[in-house]
């Protein structure tokens, strides 16, 4: 899954540009608002790449989703969460308490992770 960062006034235009750049699975986009910064949105979508390495669309990262808690996260951020919750030790067997991160986008940032509260704004098909 990919996540493109943009501003509220530009998200529809950005979706049209993404459609030209990638083949989007089911042509569906989930637009989340950043609860802490009303001008910022996150557009998530899956692409069809048939195993090919594709160029990255600007302001876009690869993310994962924990469906039960609507948590969006990067792998690096998840690794930082594990270290934080597990007394500084990274352990692949550690089970993250996803309830603590309900409706949050977790990304790496300064100094280690950023927790961005999210709310579904719109589903665009």
PDB file of N, CA and C in Angstrom:
ATOM      1  N   UNK A   1       0.847  -1.161   0.000  1.00  0.00           N
ATOM      2  CA  UNK A   1       0.000   0.000   0.000  1.00  0.00           C
ATOM      3  C   UNK A   1       0.899   1.232   0.000  1.00  0.00           C
ATOM      4  N   UNK A   2       0.449   2.252  -0.709  1.00  0.00           N
ATOM      5  CA  UNK A   2       1.192   3.507  -0.753  1.00  0.00           C
ATOM      6  C   UNK A   2       0.394   4.604  -0.069  1.00  0.00           C
ATOM      7  N   UNK A   3       1.107   5.603   0.418  1.00  0.00           N
ATOM      8  CA  UNK A   3       0.485   6.742   1.078  1.00  0.00           C
ATOM      9  C   UNK A   3       1.137   8.009   0.544  1.00  0.00           C
ATOM     10  N   UNK A   4       0.317   8.871  -0.036  1.00  0.00           N
ATOM     11  CA  UNK A   4       0.795  10.137  -0.579  1.00  0.00           C
ATOM     12  C   UNK A   4       0.310  11.269   0.320  1.00  0.00           C
ATOM     13  N   UNK A   5       1.239  12.137   0.706  1.00  0.00           N
ATOM     14  CA  UNK A   5       0.941  13.273   1.565  1.00  0.00           C
ATOM     15  C   UNK A   5       0.620  14.471   0.684  1.00  0.00           C
ATOM     16  N   UNK A   6      -0.442  15.188   1.001  1.00  0.00           N
ATOM     17  CA  UNK A   6      -0.743  16.422   0.270  1.00  0.00           C
ATOM     18  C   UNK A   6      -1.657  17.302   1.112  1.00  0.00           C
ATOM     19  N   UNK A   7      -2.041  18.439   0.554  1.00  0.00           N
ATOM     20  CA  UNK A   7      -2.912  19.369   1.278  1.00  0.00           C
ATOM     21  C   UNK A   7      -4.365  19.134   0.880  1.00  0.00           C
ATOM     22  N   UNK A   8      -5.265  19.570   1.723  1.00  0.00           N
ATOM     23  CA  UNK A   8      -6.698  19.388   1.474  1.00  0.00           C
ATOM     24  C   UNK A   8      -7.129  19.962   0.122  1.00  0.00           C
ATOM     25  N   UNK A   9      -6.766  21.204  -0.209  1.00  0.00           N
ATOM     26  CA  UNK A   9      -7.243  21.754  -1.480  1.00  0.00           C
ATOM     27  C   UNK A   9      -6.720  21.016  -2.719  1.00  0.00           C
ATOM     28  N   UNK A  10      -5.627  20.284  -2.575  1.00  0.00           N
ATOM     29  CA  UNK A  10      -5.016  19.638  -3.742  1.00  0.00           C
ATOM     30  C   UNK A  10      -5.290  18.144  -3.854  1.00  0.00           C
ATOM     31  N   UNK A  11      -6.026  17.538  -2.912  1.00  0.00           N
ATOM     32  CA  UNK A  11      -6.079  16.084  -2.932  1.00  0.00           C
ATOM     33  C   UNK A  11      -6.780  15.493  -4.154  1.00  0.00           C
ATOM     34  N   UNK A  12      -7.808  16.129  -4.667  1.00  0.00           N
ATOM     35  CA  UNK A  12      -8.474  15.588  -5.871  1.00  0.00           C
ATOM     36  C   UNK A  12      -7.549  15.661  -7.094  1.00  0.00           C
ATOM     37  N   UNK A  13      -6.864  16.762  -7.229  1.00  0.00           N
ATOM     38  CA  UNK A  13      -5.888  16.911  -8.319  1.00  0.00           C
ATOM     39  C   UNK A  13      -4.761  15.886  -8.169  1.00  0.00           C
ATOM     40  N   UNK A  14      -4.320  15.669  -6.936  1.00  0.00           N
ATOM     41  CA  UNK A  14      -3.258  14.695  -6.675  1.00  0.00           C
ATOM     42  C   UNK A  14      -3.718  13.288  -7.053  1.00  0.00           C
ATOM     43  N   UNK A  15      -4.955  12.947  -6.738  1.00  0.00           N
ATOM     44  CA  UNK A  15      -5.491  11.630  -7.103  1.00  0.00           C
ATOM     45  C   UNK A  15      -5.482  11.458  -8.618  1.00  0.00           C
ATOM     46  N   UNK A  16      -5.857  12.486  -9.353  1.00  0.00           N
ATOM     47  CA  UNK A  16      -5.832  12.407 -10.821  1.00  0.00           C
ATOM     48  C   UNK A  16      -4.409  12.194 -11.341  1.00  0.00           C
ATOM     49  N   UNK A  17      -3.438  12.839 -10.706  1.00  0.00           N
ATOM     50  CA  UNK A  17      -2.034  12.655 -11.100  1.00  0.00           C
ATOM     51  C   UNK A  17      -1.551  11.237 -10.771  1.00  0.00           C
ATOM     52  N   UNK A  18      -1.975  10.715  -9.630  1.00  0.00           N
ATOM     53  CA  UNK A  18      -1.608   9.343  -9.251  1.00  0.00           C
ATOM     54  C   UNK A  18      -2.156   8.355 -10.273  1.00  0.00           C
ATOM     55  N   UNK A  19      -3.378   8.576 -10.730  1.00  0.00           N
ATOM     56  CA  UNK A  19      -4.001   7.693 -11.730  1.00  0.00           C
ATOM     57  C   UNK A  19      -3.197   7.658 -13.026  1.00  0.00           C
ATOM     58  N   UNK A  20      -2.581   8.762 -13.376  1.00  0.00           N
ATOM     59  CA  UNK A  20      -1.739   8.819 -14.583  1.00  0.00           C
ATOM     60  C   UNK A  20      -0.396   8.126 -14.360  1.00  0.00           C
ATOM     61  N   UNK A  21       0.058   8.101 -13.113  1.00  0.00           N
ATOM     62  CA  UNK A  21       1.380   7.592 -12.752  1.00  0.00           C
ATOM     63  C   UNK A  21       1.375   6.080 -12.515  1.00  0.00           C
ATOM     64  N   UNK A  22       0.306   5.570 -11.865  1.00  0.00           N
ATOM     65  CA  UNK A  22       0.195   4.157 -11.499  1.00  0.00           C
ATOM     66  C   UNK A  22      -1.111   3.565 -12.003  1.00  0.00           C
ATOM     67  N   UNK A  23      -1.154   2.230 -12.063  1.00  0.00           N
ATOM     68  CA  UNK A  23      -2.406   1.510 -12.209  1.00  0.00           C
ATOM     69  C   UNK A  23      -2.845   1.171 -10.792  1.00  0.00           C
ATOM     70  N   UNK A  24      -3.929   1.772 -10.342  1.00  0.00           N
ATOM     71  CA  UNK A  24      -4.389   1.639  -8.963  1.00  0.00           C
ATOM     72  C   UNK A  24      -5.416   0.516  -8.879  1.00  0.00           C
ATOM     73  N   UNK A  25      -5.186  -0.393  -7.933  1.00  0.00           N
ATOM     74  CA  UNK A  25      -6.073  -1.531  -7.728  1.00  0.00           C
ATOM     75  C   UNK A  25      -7.483  -1.046  -7.400  1.00  0.00           C
ATOM     76  N   UNK A  26      -8.465  -1.534  -8.129  1.00  0.00           N
ATOM     77  CA  UNK A  26      -9.886  -1.186  -7.954  1.00  0.00           C
ATOM     78  C   UNK A  26     -10.161   0.309  -8.081  1.00  0.00           C
ATOM     79  N   UNK A  27      -9.165   1.074  -8.500  1.00  0.00           N
ATOM     80  CA  UNK A  27      -9.315   2.516  -8.680  1.00  0.00           C
ATOM     81  C   UNK A  27      -9.920   3.177  -7.438  1.00  0.00           C
ATOM     82  N   UNK A  28      -9.481   2.706  -6.240  1.00  0.00           N
ATOM     83  CA  UNK A  28     -10.010   3.229  -4.973  1.00  0.00           C
ATOM     84  C   UNK A  28      -8.912   3.913  -4.178  1.00  0.00           C
ATOM     85  N   UNK A  29      -9.268   5.055  -3.638  1.00  0.00           N
ATOM     86  CA  UNK A  29      -8.366   5.864  -2.826  1.00  0.00           C
ATOM     87  C   UNK A  29      -9.061   6.170  -1.494  1.00  0.00           C
ATOM     88  N   UNK A  30      -8.322   5.993  -0.421  1.00  0.00           N
ATOM     89  CA  UNK A  30      -8.827   6.328   0.899  1.00  0.00           C
ATOM     90  C   UNK A  30      -8.122   7.606   1.341  1.00  0.00           C
ATOM     91  N   UNK A  31      -8.899   8.630   1.600  1.00  0.00           N
ATOM     92  CA  UNK A  31      -8.343   9.935   1.961  1.00  0.00           C
ATOM     93  C   UNK A  31      -8.573  10.151   3.456  1.00  0.00           C
ATOM     94  N   UNK A  32      -7.472  10.286   4.192  1.00  0.00           N
ATOM     95  CA  UNK A  32      -7.516  10.504   5.631  1.00  0.00           C
ATOM     96  C   UNK A  32      -7.075  11.923   5.947  1.00  0.00           C
ATOM     97  N   UNK A  33      -7.788  12.553   6.866  1.00  0.00           N
ATOM     98  CA  UNK A  33      -7.335  13.868   7.324  1.00  0.00           C
ATOM     99  C   UNK A  33      -6.424  13.676   8.518  1.00  0.00           C
ATOM    100  N   UNK A  34      -5.478  14.591   8.657  1.00  0.00           N
ATOM    101  CA  UNK A  34      -4.611  14.623   9.824  1.00  0.00           C
ATOM    102  C   UNK A  34      -5.359  15.430  10.880  1.00  0.00           C
ATOM    103  N   UNK A  35      -5.841  14.772  11.918  1.00  0.00           N
ATOM    104  CA  UNK A  35      -6.647  15.424  12.950  1.00  0.00           C
ATOM    105  C   UNK A  35      -5.882  16.573  13.613  1.00  0.00           C
ATOM    106  N   UNK A  36      -4.570  16.428  13.720  1.00  0.00           N
ATOM    107  CA  UNK A  36      -3.739  17.443  14.370  1.00  0.00           C
ATOM    108  C   UNK A  36      -3.396  18.610  13.449  1.00  0.00           C
ATOM    109  N   UNK A  37      -3.565  18.431  12.133  1.00  0.00           N
ATOM    110  CA  UNK A  37      -3.249  19.481  11.165  1.00  0.00           C
ATOM    111  C   UNK A  37      -4.279  19.410  10.040  1.00  0.00           C
ATOM    112  N   UNK A  38      -5.335  20.171  10.169  1.00  0.00           N
ATOM    113  CA  UNK A  38      -6.497  20.081   9.274  1.00  0.00           C
ATOM    114  C   UNK A  38      -6.184  20.308   7.792  1.00  0.00           C
ATOM    115  N   UNK A  39      -5.054  20.921   7.485  1.00  0.00           N
ATOM    116  CA  UNK A  39      -4.707  21.197   6.088  1.00  0.00           C
ATOM    117  C   UNK A  39      -4.004  20.021   5.398  1.00  0.00           C
ATOM    118  N   UNK A  40      -3.631  19.001   6.171  1.00  0.00           N
ATOM    119  CA  UNK A  40      -2.870  17.880   5.616  1.00  0.00           C
ATOM    120  C   UNK A  40      -3.760  16.653   5.482  1.00  0.00           C
ATOM    121  N   UNK A  41      -3.629  15.972   4.343  1.00  0.00           N
ATOM    122  CA  UNK A  41      -4.326  14.705   4.135  1.00  0.00           C
ATOM    123  C   UNK A  41      -3.336  13.647   3.681  1.00  0.00           C
ATOM    124  N   UNK A  42      -3.756  12.398   3.889  1.00  0.00           N
ATOM    125  CA  UNK A  42      -2.979  11.237   3.474  1.00  0.00           C
ATOM    126  C   UNK A  42      -3.864  10.420   2.552  1.00  0.00           C
ATOM    127  N   UNK A  43      -3.392  10.173   1.347  1.00  0.00           N
ATOM    128  CA  UNK A  43      -4.150   9.393   0.369  1.00  0.00           C
ATOM    129  C   UNK A  43      -3.514   8.008   0.310  1.00  0.00           C
ATOM    130  N   UNK A  44      -4.298   6.972   0.636  1.00  0.00           N
ATOM    131  CA  UNK A  44      -3.759   5.613   0.586  1.00  0.00           C
ATOM    132  C   UNK A  44      -4.408   4.849  -0.561  1.00  0.00           C
ATOM    133  N   UNK A  45      -3.608   3.946  -1.140  1.00  0.00           N
ATOM    134  CA  UNK A  45      -4.080   3.176  -2.290  1.00  0.00           C
ATOM    135  C   UNK A  45      -3.115   2.025  -2.546  1.00  0.00           C
ATOM    136  N   UNK A  46      -3.621   1.022  -3.244  1.00  0.00           N
ATOM    137  CA  UNK A  46      -2.790  -0.109  -3.657  1.00  0.00           C
ATOM    138  C   UNK A  46      -2.572  -0.016  -5.159  1.00  0.00           C
ATOM    139  N   UNK A  47      -1.378  -0.394  -5.577  1.00  0.00           N
ATOM    140  CA  UNK A  47      -1.080  -0.349  -7.007  1.00  0.00           C
ATOM    141  C   UNK A  47      -0.833  -1.751  -7.543  1.00  0.00           C
ATOM    142  N   UNK A  48      -1.031  -1.894  -8.843  1.00  0.00           N
ATOM    143  CA  UNK A  48      -0.702  -3.132  -9.530  1.00  0.00           C
ATOM    144  C   UNK A  48       0.667  -2.938 -10.158  1.00  0.00           C
ATOM    145  N   UNK A  49       1.642  -3.713  -9.700  1.00  0.00           N
ATOM    146  CA  UNK A  49       2.984  -3.527 -10.255  1.00  0.00           C
ATOM    147  C   UNK A  49       3.536  -4.791 -10.897  1.00  0.00           C
ATOM    148  N   UNK A  50       2.803  -5.909 -10.793  1.00  0.00           N
ATOM    149  CA  UNK A  50       3.219  -7.168 -11.416  1.00  0.00           C
ATOM    150  C   UNK A  50       4.676  -7.502 -11.134  1.00  0.00           C
ATOM    151  N   UNK A  51       5.123  -7.217  -9.915  1.00  0.00           N
ATOM    152  CA  UNK A  51       6.475  -7.563  -9.505  1.00  0.00           C
ATOM    153  C   UNK A  51       7.563  -6.657 -10.035  1.00  0.00           C
ATOM    154  N   UNK A  52       7.186  -5.623 -10.765  1.00  0.00           N
ATOM    155  CA  UNK A  52       8.176  -4.695 -11.318  1.00  0.00           C
ATOM    156  C   UNK A  52       8.489  -3.588 -10.323  1.00  0.00           C
ATOM    157  N   UNK A  53       9.708  -3.142 -10.333  1.00  0.00           N
ATOM    158  CA  UNK A  53      10.108  -1.978  -9.520  1.00  0.00           C
ATOM    159  C   UNK A  53       9.616  -0.733 -10.255  1.00  0.00           C
ATOM    160  N   UNK A  54       8.814   0.064  -9.563  1.00  0.00           N
ATOM    161  CA  UNK A  54       8.243   1.260 -10.175  1.00  0.00           C
ATOM    162  C   UNK A  54       8.808   2.511  -9.525  1.00  0.00           C
ATOM    163  N   UNK A  55       8.858   3.600 -10.265  1.00  0.00           N
ATOM    164  CA  UNK A  55       9.311   4.862  -9.656  1.00  0.00           C
ATOM    165  C   UNK A  55       8.295   5.319  -8.617  1.00  0.00           C
ATOM    166  N   UNK A  56       8.756   6.125  -7.677  1.00  0.00           N
ATOM    167  CA  UNK A  56       7.876   6.630  -6.617  1.00  0.00           C
ATOM    168  C   UNK A  56       7.240   7.951  -7.021  1.00  0.00           C
ATOM    169  N   UNK A  57       5.959   8.042  -6.755  1.00  0.00           N
ATOM    170  CA  UNK A  57       5.239   9.291  -6.937  1.00  0.00           C
ATOM    171  C   UNK A  57       5.743  10.262  -5.859  1.00  0.00           C
ATOM    172  N   UNK A  58       5.837  11.561  -6.146  1.00  0.00           N
ATOM    173  CA  UNK A  58       6.324  12.531  -5.143  1.00  0.00           C
ATOM    174  C   UNK A  58       5.520  12.489  -3.845  1.00  0.00           C
ATOM    175  N   UNK A  59       6.222  12.697  -2.729  1.00  0.00           N
ATOM    176  CA  UNK A  59       5.620  12.744  -1.391  1.00  0.00           C
ATOM    177  C   UNK A  59       4.869  11.467  -1.024  1.00  0.00           C
ATOM    178  N   UNK A  60       5.420  10.330  -1.463  1.00  0.00           N
ATOM    179  CA  UNK A  60       4.766   9.040  -1.265  1.00  0.00           C
ATOM    180  C   UNK A  60       5.680   8.068  -0.537  1.00  0.00           C
ATOM    181  N   UNK A  61       5.093   7.313   0.396  1.00  0.00           N
ATOM    182  CA  UNK A  61       5.829   6.271   1.121  1.00  0.00           C
ATOM    183  C   UNK A  61       5.054   4.964   1.042  1.00  0.00           C
ATOM    184  N   UNK A  62       5.742   3.888   1.296  1.00  0.00           N
ATOM    185  CA  UNK A  62       5.122   2.563   1.383  1.00  0.00           C
ATOM    186  C   UNK A  62       4.682   2.350   2.829  1.00  0.00           C
ATOM    187  N   UNK A  63       3.447   1.901   3.026  1.00  0.00           N
ATOM    188  CA  UNK A  63       2.926   1.687   4.376  1.00  0.00           C
ATOM    189  C   UNK A  63       2.203   0.347   4.462  1.00  0.00           C
ATOM    190  N   UNK A  64       1.857  -0.002   5.688  1.00  0.00           N
ATOM    191  CA  UNK A  64       1.070  -1.194   5.983  1.00  0.00           C
ATOM    192  C   UNK A  64      -0.120  -0.758   6.821  1.00  0.00           C
ATOM    193  N   UNK A  65      -1.105  -1.651   6.936  1.00  0.00           N
ATOM    194  CA  UNK A  65      -2.312  -1.303   7.683  1.00  0.00           C
ATOM    195  C   UNK A  65      -2.696  -2.431   8.609  1.00  0.00           C
ATOM    196  N   UNK A  66      -3.024  -2.077   9.836  1.00  0.00           N
ATOM    197  CA  UNK A  66      -3.607  -3.011  10.800  1.00  0.00           C
ATOM    198  C   UNK A  66      -5.096  -2.717  10.785  1.00  0.00           C
ATOM    199  N   UNK A  67      -5.847  -3.561  10.090  1.00  0.00           N
ATOM    200  CA  UNK A  67      -7.260  -3.299   9.827  1.00  0.00           C
ATOM    201  C   UNK A  67      -8.102  -3.144  11.099  1.00  0.00           C
ATOM    202  N   UNK A  68      -7.857  -3.997  12.113  1.00  0.00           N
ATOM    203  CA  UNK A  68      -8.680  -3.993  13.322  1.00  0.00           C
ATOM    204  C   UNK A  68      -8.647  -2.653  14.059  1.00  0.00           C
ATOM    205  N   UNK A  69      -7.543  -1.927  13.968  1.00  0.00           N
ATOM    206  CA  UNK A  69      -7.419  -0.659  14.695  1.00  0.00           C
ATOM    207  C   UNK A  69      -7.271   0.546  13.766  1.00  0.00           C
ATOM    208  N   UNK A  70      -7.377   0.304  12.467  1.00  0.00           N
ATOM    209  CA  UNK A  70      -7.174   1.355  11.470  1.00  0.00           C
ATOM    210  C   UNK A  70      -5.856   2.089  11.723  1.00  0.00           C
ATOM    211  N   UNK A  71      -4.802   1.308  11.906  1.00  0.00           N
ATOM    212  CA  UNK A  71      -3.469   1.852  12.115  1.00  0.00           C
ATOM    213  C   UNK A  71      -2.694   1.737  10.817  1.00  0.00           C
ATOM    214  N   UNK A  72      -2.134   2.839  10.362  1.00  0.00           N
ATOM    215  CA  UNK A  72      -1.265   2.858   9.187  1.00  0.00           C
ATOM    216  C   UNK A  72       0.148   3.058   9.693  1.00  0.00           C
ATOM    217  N   UNK A  73       1.116   2.316   9.132  1.00  0.00           N
ATOM    218  CA  UNK A  73       2.472   2.409   9.661  1.00  0.00           C
ATOM    219  C   UNK A  73       3.509   1.980   8.632  1.00  0.00           C
ATOM    220  N   UNK A  74       4.720   2.509   8.788  1.00  0.00           N
ATOM    221  CA  UNK A  74       5.853   2.027   7.998  1.00  0.00           C
ATOM    222  C   UNK A  74       6.527   0.929   8.806  1.00  0.00           C
ATOM    223  N   UNK A  75       7.276   0.074   8.125  1.00  0.00           N
ATOM    224  CA  UNK A  75       7.999  -0.988   8.827  1.00  0.00           C
ATOM    225  C   UNK A  75       9.031  -0.415   9.789  1.00  0.00           C
ATOM    226  N   UNK A  76       9.729   0.629   9.368  1.00  0.00           N
ATOM    227  CA  UNK A  76      10.718   1.253  10.257  1.00  0.00           C
ATOM    228  C   UNK A  76      10.049   1.798  11.523  1.00  0.00           C
ATOM    229  N   UNK A  77       8.881   2.392  11.369  1.00  0.00           N
ATOM    230  CA  UNK A  77       8.164   2.919  12.530  1.00  0.00           C
ATOM    231  C   UNK A  77       7.714   1.790  13.448  1.00  0.00           C
ATOM    232  N   UNK A  78       7.241   0.687  12.870  1.00  0.00           N
ATOM    233  CA  UNK A  78       6.836  -0.450  13.687  1.00  0.00           C
ATOM    234  C   UNK A  78       8.026  -0.989  14.484  1.00  0.00           C
ATOM    235  N   UNK A  79       9.193  -1.062  13.847  1.00  0.00           N
ATOM    236  CA  UNK A  79      10.390  -1.517  14.549  1.00  0.00           C
ATOM    237  C   UNK A  79      10.728  -0.592  15.720  1.00  0.00           C
ATOM    238  N   UNK A  80      10.547   0.712  15.528  1.00  0.00           N
ATOM    239  CA  UNK A  80      10.791   1.673  16.610  1.00  0.00           C
ATOM    240  C   UNK A  80       9.775   1.505  17.740  1.00  0.00           C
ATOM    241  N   UNK A  81       8.520   1.214  17.383  1.00  0.00           N
ATOM    242  CA  UNK A  81       7.476   0.965  18.389  1.00  0.00           C
ATOM    243  C   UNK A  81       7.867  -0.255  19.223  1.00  0.00           C
ATOM    244  N   UNK A  82       8.317  -1.313  18.575  1.00  0.00           N
ATOM    245  CA  UNK A  82       8.726  -2.529  19.285  1.00  0.00           C
ATOM    246  C   UNK A  82       9.844  -2.200  20.272  1.00  0.00           C
ATOM    247  N   UNK A  83      10.844  -1.457  19.821  1.00  0.00           N
ATOM    248  CA  UNK A  83      11.942  -1.076  20.720  1.00  0.00           C
ATOM    249  C   UNK A  83      11.428  -0.254  21.903  1.00  0.00           C
ATOM    250  N   UNK A  84      10.545   0.702  21.614  1.00  0.00           N
ATOM    251  CA  UNK A  84      10.008   1.580  22.660  1.00  0.00           C
ATOM    252  C   UNK A  84       9.221   0.781  23.695  1.00  0.00           C
ATOM    253  N   UNK A  85       8.343  -0.110  23.232  1.00  0.00           N
ATOM    254  CA  UNK A  85       7.492  -0.878  24.138  1.00  0.00           C
ATOM    255  C   UNK A  85       8.248  -2.001  24.836  1.00  0.00           C
ATOM    256  N   UNK A  86       9.363  -2.442  24.238  1.00  0.00           N
ATOM    257  CA  UNK A  86      10.093  -3.613  24.736  1.00  0.00           C
ATOM    258  C   UNK A  86      11.419  -3.208  25.380  1.00  0.00           C
ATOM    259  N   UNK A  87      11.407  -2.131  26.128  1.00  0.00           N
ATOM    260  CA  UNK A  87      12.585  -1.665  26.892  1.00  0.00           C
ATOM    261  C   UNK A  87      13.833  -1.487  26.035  1.00  0.00           C
ATOM    262  N   UNK A  88      13.660  -0.986  24.812  1.00  0.00           N
ATOM    263  CA  UNK A  88      14.802  -0.689  23.947  1.00  0.00           C
ATOM    264  C   UNK A  88      15.339  -1.868  23.163  1.00  0.00           C
ATOM    265  N   UNK A  89      14.710  -3.019  23.288  1.00  0.00           N
ATOM    266  CA  UNK A  89      15.183  -4.223  22.604  1.00  0.00           C
ATOM    267  C   UNK A  89      14.276  -4.553  21.432  1.00  0.00           C
ATOM    268  N   UNK A  90      14.883  -4.787  20.255  1.00  0.00           N
ATOM    269  CA  UNK A  90      14.098  -5.209  19.100  1.00  0.00           C
ATOM    270  C   UNK A  90      13.974  -6.723  19.133  1.00  0.00           C
ATOM    271  N   UNK A  91      12.748  -7.212  19.080  1.00  0.00           N
ATOM    272  CA  UNK A  91      12.470  -8.644  19.101  1.00  0.00           C
ATOM    273  C   UNK A  91      11.353  -8.908  18.096  1.00  0.00           C
ATOM    274  N   UNK A  92      11.657  -9.678  17.051  1.00  0.00           N
ATOM    275  CA  UNK A  92      10.663  -9.963  16.009  1.00  0.00           C
ATOM    276  C   UNK A  92       9.418 -10.664  16.558  1.00  0.00           C
ATOM    277  N   UNK A  93       9.562 -11.367  17.675  1.00  0.00           N
ATOM    278  CA  UNK A  93       8.443 -12.095  18.264  1.00  0.00           C
ATOM    279  C   UNK A  93       7.556 -11.209  19.136  1.00  0.00           C
ATOM    280  N   UNK A  94       7.990  -9.987  19.397  1.00  0.00           N
ATOM    281  CA  UNK A  94       7.220  -9.079  20.248  1.00  0.00           C
ATOM    282  C   UNK A  94       5.893  -8.731  19.583  1.00  0.00           C
ATOM    283  N   UNK A  95       4.827  -8.730  20.366  1.00  0.00           N
ATOM    284  CA  UNK A  95       3.498  -8.411  19.855  1.00  0.00           C
ATOM    285  C   UNK A  95       3.128  -6.977  20.238  1.00  0.00           C
ATOM    286  N   UNK A  96       2.970  -6.140  19.245  1.00  0.00           N
ATOM    287  CA  UNK A  96       2.618  -4.734  19.463  1.00  0.00           C
ATOM    288  C   UNK A  96       1.170  -4.638  19.957  1.00  0.00           C
ATOM    289  N   UNK A  97       0.928  -3.782  20.922  1.00  0.00           N
ATOM    290  CA  UNK A  97      -0.422  -3.512  21.397  1.00  0.00           C
ATOM    291  C   UNK A  97      -1.044  -2.479  20.461  1.00  0.00           C
ATOM    292  N   UNK A  98      -1.685  -2.932  19.397  1.00  0.00           N
ATOM    293  CA  UNK A  98      -2.211  -2.054  18.369  1.00  0.00           C
ATOM    294  C   UNK A  98      -3.329  -1.153  18.880  1.00  0.00           C
ATOM    295  N   UNK A  99      -4.011  -1.536  19.943  1.00  0.00           N
ATOM    296  CA  UNK A  99      -5.070  -0.691  20.503  1.00  0.00           C
ATOM    297  C   UNK A  99      -4.547   0.687  20.903  1.00  0.00           C
ATOM    298  N   UNK A 100      -3.274   0.751  21.269  1.00  0.00           N
ATOM    299  CA  UNK A 100      -2.666   2.036  21.648  1.00  0.00           C
ATOM    300  C   UNK A 100      -2.518   2.976  20.451  1.00  0.00           C
ATOM    301  N   UNK A 101      -2.626   2.428  19.244  1.00  0.00           N
ATOM    302  CA  UNK A 101      -2.369   3.203  18.029  1.00  0.00           C
ATOM    303  C   UNK A 101      -3.592   3.219  17.106  1.00  0.00           C
ATOM    304  N   UNK A 102      -4.765   3.149  17.697  1.00  0.00           N
ATOM    305  CA  UNK A 102      -5.998   3.157  16.915  1.00  0.00           C
ATOM    306  C   UNK A 102      -6.171   4.501  16.213  1.00  0.00           C
ATOM    307  N   UNK A 103      -6.517   4.453  14.908  1.00  0.00           N
ATOM    308  CA  UNK A 103      -6.720   5.645  14.086  1.00  0.00           C
ATOM    309  C   UNK A 103      -5.497   6.561  14.091  1.00  0.00           C
ATOM    310  N   UNK A 104      -4.331   5.959  13.848  1.00  0.00           N
ATOM    311  CA  UNK A 104      -3.070   6.692  13.846  1.00  0.00           C
ATOM    312  C   UNK A 104      -2.229   6.259  12.655  1.00  0.00           C
ATOM    313  N   UNK A 105      -1.541   7.221  12.052  1.00  0.00           N
ATOM    314  CA  UNK A 105      -0.494   6.944  11.062  1.00  0.00           C
ATOM    315  C   UNK A 105       0.822   7.068  11.817  1.00  0.00           C
ATOM    316  N   UNK A 106       1.626   5.999  11.773  1.00  0.00           N
ATOM    317  CA  UNK A 106       2.904   5.979  12.489  1.00  0.00           C
ATOM    318  C   UNK A 106       4.023   5.998  11.457  1.00  0.00           C
ATOM    319  N   UNK A 107       4.847   7.028  11.519  1.00  0.00           N
ATOM    320  CA  UNK A 107       5.990   7.154  10.613  1.00  0.00           C
ATOM    321  C   UNK A 107       7.238   7.484  11.423  1.00  0.00           C
ATOM    322  N   UNK A 108       8.381   7.225  10.836  1.00  0.00           N
ATOM    323  CA  UNK A 108       9.620   7.614  11.509  1.00  0.00           C
ATOM    324  C   UNK A 108       9.801   9.109  11.331  1.00  0.00           C
ATOM    325  N   UNK A 109      10.412   9.714  12.315  1.00  0.00           N
ATOM    326  CA  UNK A 109      10.629  11.155  12.279  1.00  0.00           C
ATOM    327  C   UNK A 109      11.618  11.537  13.344  1.00  0.00           C
ATOM    328  N   UNK A 110      11.648  12.792  13.653  1.00  0.00           N
ATOM    329  CA  UNK A 110      12.598  13.301  14.628  1.00  0.00           C
ATOM    330  C   UNK A 110      11.936  13.338  15.997  1.00  0.00           C
ATOM    331  N   UNK A 111      12.394  12.681  17.020  1.00  0.00           N
ATOM    332  CA  UNK A 111      13.641  11.932  17.111  1.00  0.00           C
ATOM    333  C   UNK A 111      13.528  10.458  16.707  1.00  0.00           C
ATOM    334  N   UNK A 112      12.353   9.800  16.911  1.00  0.00           N
ATOM    335  CA  UNK A 112      12.282   8.395  16.525  1.00  0.00           C
ATOM    336  C   UNK A 112      11.013   8.072  15.744  1.00  0.00           C
ATOM    337  N   UNK A 113       9.849   8.348  16.298  1.00  0.00           N
ATOM    338  CA  UNK A 113       8.600   8.080  15.586  1.00  0.00           C
ATOM    339  C   UNK A 113       7.639   9.258  15.747  1.00  0.00           C
ATOM    340  N   UNK A 114       6.754   9.369  14.765  1.00  0.00           N
ATOM    341  CA  UNK A 114       5.696  10.385  14.832  1.00  0.00           C
ATOM    342  C   UNK A 114       4.362   9.660  14.778  1.00  0.00           C
ATOM    343  N   UNK A 115       3.472  10.021  15.683  1.00  0.00           N
ATOM    344  CA  UNK A 115       2.124   9.464  15.720  1.00  0.00           C
ATOM    345  C   UNK A 115       1.168  10.543  15.236  1.00  0.00           C
ATOM    346  N   UNK A 116       0.572  10.317  14.081  1.00  0.00           N
ATOM    347  CA  UNK A 116      -0.313  11.308  13.477  1.00  0.00           C
ATOM    348  C   UNK A 116      -1.754  10.791  13.548  1.00  0.00           C
ATOM    349  N   UNK A 117      -2.622  11.427  14.337  1.00  0.00           N
ATOM    350  CA  UNK A 117      -4.007  10.970  14.447  1.00  0.00           C
ATOM    351  C   UNK A 117      -4.745  11.185  13.119  1.00  0.00           C
ATOM    352  N   UNK A 118      -5.486  10.174  12.696  1.00  0.00           N
ATOM    353  CA  UNK A 118      -6.164  10.243  11.397  1.00  0.00           C
ATOM    354  C   UNK A 118      -7.665   9.989  11.530  1.00  0.00           C
ATOM    355  N   UNK A 119      -8.370  10.502  10.527  1.00  0.00           N
ATOM    356  CA  UNK A 119      -9.813  10.275  10.426  1.00  0.00           C
ATOM    357  C   UNK A 119     -10.131  10.146   8.951  1.00  0.00           C
ATOM    358  N   UNK A 120     -10.928   9.130   8.596  1.00  0.00           N
ATOM    359  CA  UNK A 120     -11.297   8.944   7.197  1.00  0.00           C
ATOM    360  C   UNK A 120     -12.121  10.126   6.734  1.00  0.00           C
ATOM    361  N   UNK A 121     -11.653  10.780   5.697  1.00  0.00           N
ATOM    362  CA  UNK A 121     -12.327  11.946   5.139  1.00  0.00           C
ATOM    363  C   UNK A 121     -13.256  11.526   4.004  1.00  0.00           C
ATOM    364  N   UNK A 122     -12.735  10.645   3.133  1.00  0.00           N
ATOM    365  CA  UNK A 122     -13.504  10.270   1.954  1.00  0.00           C
ATOM    366  C   UNK A 122     -12.888   9.043   1.282  1.00  0.00           C
ATOM    367  N   UNK A 123     -13.741   8.246   0.640  1.00  0.00           N
ATOM    368  CA  UNK A 123     -13.276   7.165  -0.232  1.00  0.00           C
ATOM    369  C   UNK A 123     -13.596   7.607  -1.653  1.00  0.00           C
ATOM    370  N   UNK A 124     -12.567   7.659  -2.487  1.00  0.00           N
ATOM    371  CA  UNK A 124     -12.737   8.124  -3.862  1.00  0.00           C
ATOM    372  C   UNK A 124     -12.570   6.931  -4.795  1.00  0.00           C
ATOM    373  N   UNK A 125     -13.572   6.719  -5.654  1.00  0.00           N
ATOM    374  CA  UNK A 125     -13.528   5.606  -6.628  1.00  0.00           C
ATOM    375  C   UNK A 125     -13.509   6.145  -8.029  1.00  0.00           C
TER     376      UNK A 125
END
